[in-house]
N, C-alpha and C. Protein backbone atom coordinates (compact mmCIF):
# COMPACT_ATOMS: atom_id res chain seq x y z
N UNK A 1 0.84 -1.19 0.00
CA UNK A 1 0.00 0.00 0.00
C UNK A 1 0.89 1.26 0.00
N UNK A 2 0.60 2.16 -0.89
CA UNK A 2 1.39 3.38 -1.03
C UNK A 2 0.81 4.45 -0.12
N UNK A 3 1.68 5.06 0.67
CA UNK A 3 1.25 6.12 1.56
C UNK A 3 1.08 7.42 0.76
N UNK A 4 -0.04 8.09 0.99
CA UNK A 4 -0.29 9.35 0.29
C UNK A 4 0.37 10.50 1.04
N UNK A 5 0.86 11.47 0.28
CA UNK A 5 1.40 12.66 0.93
C UNK A 5 0.27 13.67 1.16
N UNK A 6 0.63 14.76 1.80
CA UNK A 6 -0.37 15.77 2.18
C UNK A 6 -1.14 16.32 0.97
N UNK A 7 -0.42 16.58 -0.10
CA UNK A 7 -1.08 17.11 -1.31
C UNK A 7 -2.05 16.10 -1.91
N UNK A 8 -1.68 14.84 -1.90
CA UNK A 8 -2.55 13.80 -2.46
C UNK A 8 -3.82 13.62 -1.63
N UNK A 9 -3.69 13.70 -0.32
CA UNK A 9 -4.88 13.59 0.55
C UNK A 9 -5.77 14.81 0.33
N UNK A 10 -5.16 15.98 0.23
CA UNK A 10 -5.92 17.21 -0.04
C UNK A 10 -6.67 17.08 -1.37
N UNK A 11 -5.98 16.59 -2.39
CA UNK A 11 -6.61 16.37 -3.69
C UNK A 11 -7.77 15.39 -3.58
N UNK A 12 -7.57 14.29 -2.87
CA UNK A 12 -8.61 13.28 -2.72
C UNK A 12 -9.87 13.87 -2.08
N UNK A 13 -9.68 14.64 -1.02
CA UNK A 13 -10.82 15.27 -0.34
C UNK A 13 -11.55 16.20 -1.29
N UNK A 14 -10.80 17.04 -1.99
CA UNK A 14 -11.42 18.00 -2.91
C UNK A 14 -12.12 17.30 -4.08
N UNK A 15 -11.56 16.20 -4.55
CA UNK A 15 -12.22 15.46 -5.64
C UNK A 15 -13.55 14.86 -5.17
N UNK A 16 -13.59 14.39 -3.94
CA UNK A 16 -14.85 13.87 -3.38
C UNK A 16 -15.88 14.99 -3.33
N UNK A 17 -15.45 16.15 -2.88
CA UNK A 17 -16.36 17.30 -2.81
C UNK A 17 -16.81 17.73 -4.20
N UNK A 18 -15.90 17.66 -5.17
CA UNK A 18 -16.22 18.07 -6.53
C UNK A 18 -17.26 17.15 -7.16
N UNK A 19 -17.18 15.86 -6.86
CA UNK A 19 -18.09 14.89 -7.45
C UNK A 19 -19.47 14.89 -6.81
N UNK A 20 -19.58 15.47 -5.64
CA UNK A 20 -20.85 15.50 -4.90
C UNK A 20 -21.20 16.93 -4.57
N UNK A 21 -22.49 17.25 -4.61
CA UNK A 21 -22.92 18.63 -4.35
C UNK A 21 -22.62 19.06 -2.92
N UNK A 22 -23.03 18.27 -1.97
CA UNK A 22 -22.78 18.53 -0.56
C UNK A 22 -22.44 17.20 0.10
N UNK A 23 -21.47 17.23 1.00
CA UNK A 23 -20.98 16.00 1.60
C UNK A 23 -20.93 16.15 3.12
N UNK A 24 -21.39 15.11 3.82
CA UNK A 24 -21.27 15.08 5.27
C UNK A 24 -19.85 14.63 5.61
N UNK A 25 -19.41 14.98 6.81
CA UNK A 25 -18.06 14.64 7.25
C UNK A 25 -17.84 13.11 7.25
N UNK A 26 -18.85 12.36 7.64
CA UNK A 26 -18.70 10.90 7.68
C UNK A 26 -18.45 10.33 6.28
N UNK A 27 -19.10 10.91 5.28
CA UNK A 27 -18.90 10.49 3.89
C UNK A 27 -17.46 10.80 3.45
N UNK A 28 -16.97 11.98 3.82
CA UNK A 28 -15.60 12.36 3.49
C UNK A 28 -14.59 11.41 4.13
N UNK A 29 -14.81 11.10 5.40
CA UNK A 29 -13.91 10.19 6.12
C UNK A 29 -13.86 8.85 5.41
N UNK A 30 -15.03 8.33 5.07
CA UNK A 30 -15.12 7.02 4.42
C UNK A 30 -14.48 7.02 3.04
N UNK A 31 -14.88 7.98 2.20
CA UNK A 31 -14.39 8.02 0.82
C UNK A 31 -12.91 8.35 0.72
N UNK A 32 -12.40 9.19 1.63
CA UNK A 32 -10.99 9.58 1.60
C UNK A 32 -10.11 8.58 2.35
N UNK A 33 -10.75 7.58 2.96
CA UNK A 33 -10.03 6.53 3.70
C UNK A 33 -9.17 7.14 4.80
N UNK A 34 -9.79 7.99 5.62
CA UNK A 34 -9.11 8.63 6.73
C UNK A 34 -9.90 8.38 8.02
N UNK A 35 -9.24 8.54 9.15
CA UNK A 35 -9.94 8.45 10.43
C UNK A 35 -10.49 9.83 10.78
N UNK A 36 -11.35 9.85 11.78
CA UNK A 36 -11.92 11.11 12.24
C UNK A 36 -10.81 12.07 12.69
N UNK A 37 -9.82 11.54 13.41
CA UNK A 37 -8.73 12.39 13.89
C UNK A 37 -7.80 12.84 12.77
N UNK A 38 -7.54 11.98 11.81
CA UNK A 38 -6.60 12.35 10.75
C UNK A 38 -7.18 13.32 9.73
N UNK A 39 -8.51 13.36 9.60
CA UNK A 39 -9.11 14.29 8.63
C UNK A 39 -9.21 15.71 9.18
N UNK A 40 -9.23 15.85 10.50
CA UNK A 40 -9.43 17.17 11.11
C UNK A 40 -8.45 18.25 10.64
N UNK A 41 -7.14 17.98 10.62
CA UNK A 41 -6.22 19.04 10.15
C UNK A 41 -6.47 19.44 8.70
N UNK A 42 -6.84 18.47 7.88
CA UNK A 42 -7.14 18.77 6.48
C UNK A 42 -8.39 19.65 6.37
N UNK A 43 -9.41 19.30 7.14
CA UNK A 43 -10.65 20.07 7.12
C UNK A 43 -10.39 21.51 7.57
N UNK A 44 -9.64 21.66 8.66
CA UNK A 44 -9.32 22.99 9.15
C UNK A 44 -8.55 23.80 8.11
N UNK A 45 -7.57 23.17 7.48
CA UNK A 45 -6.78 23.85 6.45
C UNK A 45 -7.64 24.26 5.25
N UNK A 46 -8.46 23.33 4.77
CA UNK A 46 -9.27 23.61 3.58
C UNK A 46 -10.33 24.68 3.85
N UNK A 47 -10.90 24.66 5.03
CA UNK A 47 -11.89 25.69 5.40
C UNK A 47 -11.21 27.05 5.58
N UNK A 48 -10.13 27.07 6.33
CA UNK A 48 -9.41 28.32 6.62
C UNK A 48 -8.91 29.00 5.36
N UNK A 49 -8.48 28.21 4.38
CA UNK A 49 -7.89 28.77 3.17
C UNK A 49 -8.87 28.88 2.00
N UNK A 50 -10.13 28.62 2.24
CA UNK A 50 -11.17 28.86 1.24
C UNK A 50 -11.27 27.84 0.13
N UNK A 51 -10.76 26.61 0.34
CA UNK A 51 -10.88 25.57 -0.67
C UNK A 51 -12.22 24.85 -0.59
N UNK A 52 -12.85 24.92 0.58
CA UNK A 52 -14.18 24.34 0.75
C UNK A 52 -14.91 25.20 1.77
N UNK A 53 -16.22 25.00 1.83
CA UNK A 53 -17.01 25.76 2.79
C UNK A 53 -18.01 24.84 3.48
N UNK A 54 -18.40 25.27 4.66
CA UNK A 54 -19.38 24.52 5.44
C UNK A 54 -20.76 25.09 5.18
N UNK A 55 -21.72 24.20 4.99
CA UNK A 55 -23.10 24.59 4.74
C UNK A 55 -23.97 23.91 5.79
N UNK A 56 -24.84 24.67 6.41
CA UNK A 56 -25.76 24.09 7.39
C UNK A 56 -27.14 23.97 6.78
N UNK A 57 -27.76 22.83 6.98
CA UNK A 57 -29.13 22.59 6.53
C UNK A 57 -29.88 22.00 7.71
N UNK A 58 -30.71 22.84 8.31
CA UNK A 58 -31.39 22.47 9.56
C UNK A 58 -30.31 22.20 10.61
N UNK A 59 -30.24 21.00 11.13
CA UNK A 59 -29.23 20.71 12.15
C UNK A 59 -28.08 19.87 11.61
N UNK A 60 -27.97 19.78 10.29
CA UNK A 60 -26.92 18.97 9.67
C UNK A 60 -25.85 19.86 9.05
N UNK A 61 -24.60 19.38 9.11
CA UNK A 61 -23.47 20.10 8.52
C UNK A 61 -23.01 19.37 7.28
N UNK A 62 -22.84 20.14 6.22
CA UNK A 62 -22.33 19.61 4.95
C UNK A 62 -21.14 20.45 4.52
N UNK A 63 -20.36 19.89 3.62
CA UNK A 63 -19.22 20.61 3.07
C UNK A 63 -19.30 20.57 1.56
N UNK A 64 -18.84 21.66 0.93
CA UNK A 64 -18.81 21.70 -0.52
C UNK A 64 -17.57 22.44 -0.98
N UNK A 65 -17.15 22.12 -2.19
CA UNK A 65 -15.95 22.72 -2.76
C UNK A 65 -16.26 24.15 -3.21
N UNK A 66 -15.24 24.99 -3.15
CA UNK A 66 -15.37 26.37 -3.64
C UNK A 66 -14.67 26.48 -4.99
N UNK A 67 -14.77 27.65 -5.61
CA UNK A 67 -14.08 27.86 -6.88
C UNK A 67 -12.57 27.77 -6.69
N UNK A 68 -12.07 28.19 -5.54
CA UNK A 68 -10.64 28.08 -5.24
C UNK A 68 -10.23 26.60 -5.15
N UNK A 69 -11.09 25.78 -4.58
CA UNK A 69 -10.83 24.34 -4.50
C UNK A 69 -10.79 23.71 -5.87
N UNK A 70 -11.72 24.13 -6.74
CA UNK A 70 -11.73 23.63 -8.12
C UNK A 70 -10.47 24.06 -8.86
N UNK A 71 -10.04 25.28 -8.62
CA UNK A 71 -8.82 25.78 -9.25
C UNK A 71 -7.60 24.98 -8.78
N UNK A 72 -7.57 24.64 -7.50
CA UNK A 72 -6.48 23.81 -6.97
C UNK A 72 -6.42 22.48 -7.71
N UNK A 73 -7.58 21.84 -7.91
CA UNK A 73 -7.61 20.55 -8.60
C UNK A 73 -7.11 20.66 -10.04
N UNK A 74 -7.47 21.74 -10.71
CA UNK A 74 -7.02 21.97 -12.09
C UNK A 74 -5.50 22.10 -12.13
N UNK A 75 -4.96 22.91 -11.24
CA UNK A 75 -3.51 23.14 -11.22
C UNK A 75 -2.76 21.89 -10.76
N UNK A 76 -3.32 21.17 -9.80
CA UNK A 76 -2.69 19.93 -9.34
C UNK A 76 -2.59 18.93 -10.48
N UNK A 77 -3.64 18.85 -11.28
CA UNK A 77 -3.65 17.94 -12.43
C UNK A 77 -2.56 18.30 -13.42
N UNK A 78 -2.38 19.60 -13.67
CA UNK A 78 -1.33 20.06 -14.59
C UNK A 78 0.06 19.67 -14.07
N UNK A 79 0.27 19.86 -12.78
CA UNK A 79 1.56 19.53 -12.18
C UNK A 79 1.82 18.03 -12.26
N UNK A 80 0.79 17.24 -12.01
CA UNK A 80 0.93 15.78 -12.07
C UNK A 80 1.30 15.33 -13.48
N UNK A 81 0.63 15.87 -14.48
CA UNK A 81 0.94 15.53 -15.88
C UNK A 81 2.37 15.94 -16.22
N UNK A 82 2.74 17.16 -15.80
CA UNK A 82 4.09 17.65 -16.05
C UNK A 82 5.15 16.74 -15.41
N UNK A 83 4.95 16.41 -14.13
CA UNK A 83 5.96 15.61 -13.44
C UNK A 83 6.04 14.19 -14.01
N UNK A 84 4.92 13.63 -14.40
CA UNK A 84 4.93 12.29 -14.99
C UNK A 84 5.61 12.29 -16.36
N UNK A 85 5.45 13.36 -17.12
CA UNK A 85 6.07 13.44 -18.44
C UNK A 85 7.60 13.49 -18.35
N UNK A 86 8.12 13.92 -17.21
CA UNK A 86 9.57 13.98 -16.99
C UNK A 86 10.05 12.86 -16.07
N UNK A 87 9.16 11.93 -15.73
CA UNK A 87 9.53 10.80 -14.91
C UNK A 87 9.84 11.15 -13.47
N UNK A 88 9.24 12.22 -13.00
CA UNK A 88 9.49 12.65 -11.60
C UNK A 88 8.55 11.97 -10.64
């Protein structure tokens, strides 16, 4: 099993958000294959830096990707293609 680095986990979380309109934290934990404790720093970072936002619906909390989060995924994809083309 290959360990993911911080950028890859961030990408995974944002891709889950991108594919779904609104996501509960439990769905993110499950789909990103993280524990409740390990996802917290990522959630704090993504919220603080505007890559995702929290949405409340009645008494439920959901998360969704922002335009900045979508831009991150676009740029990350370009970097991945670039690095793979040079065997990095």
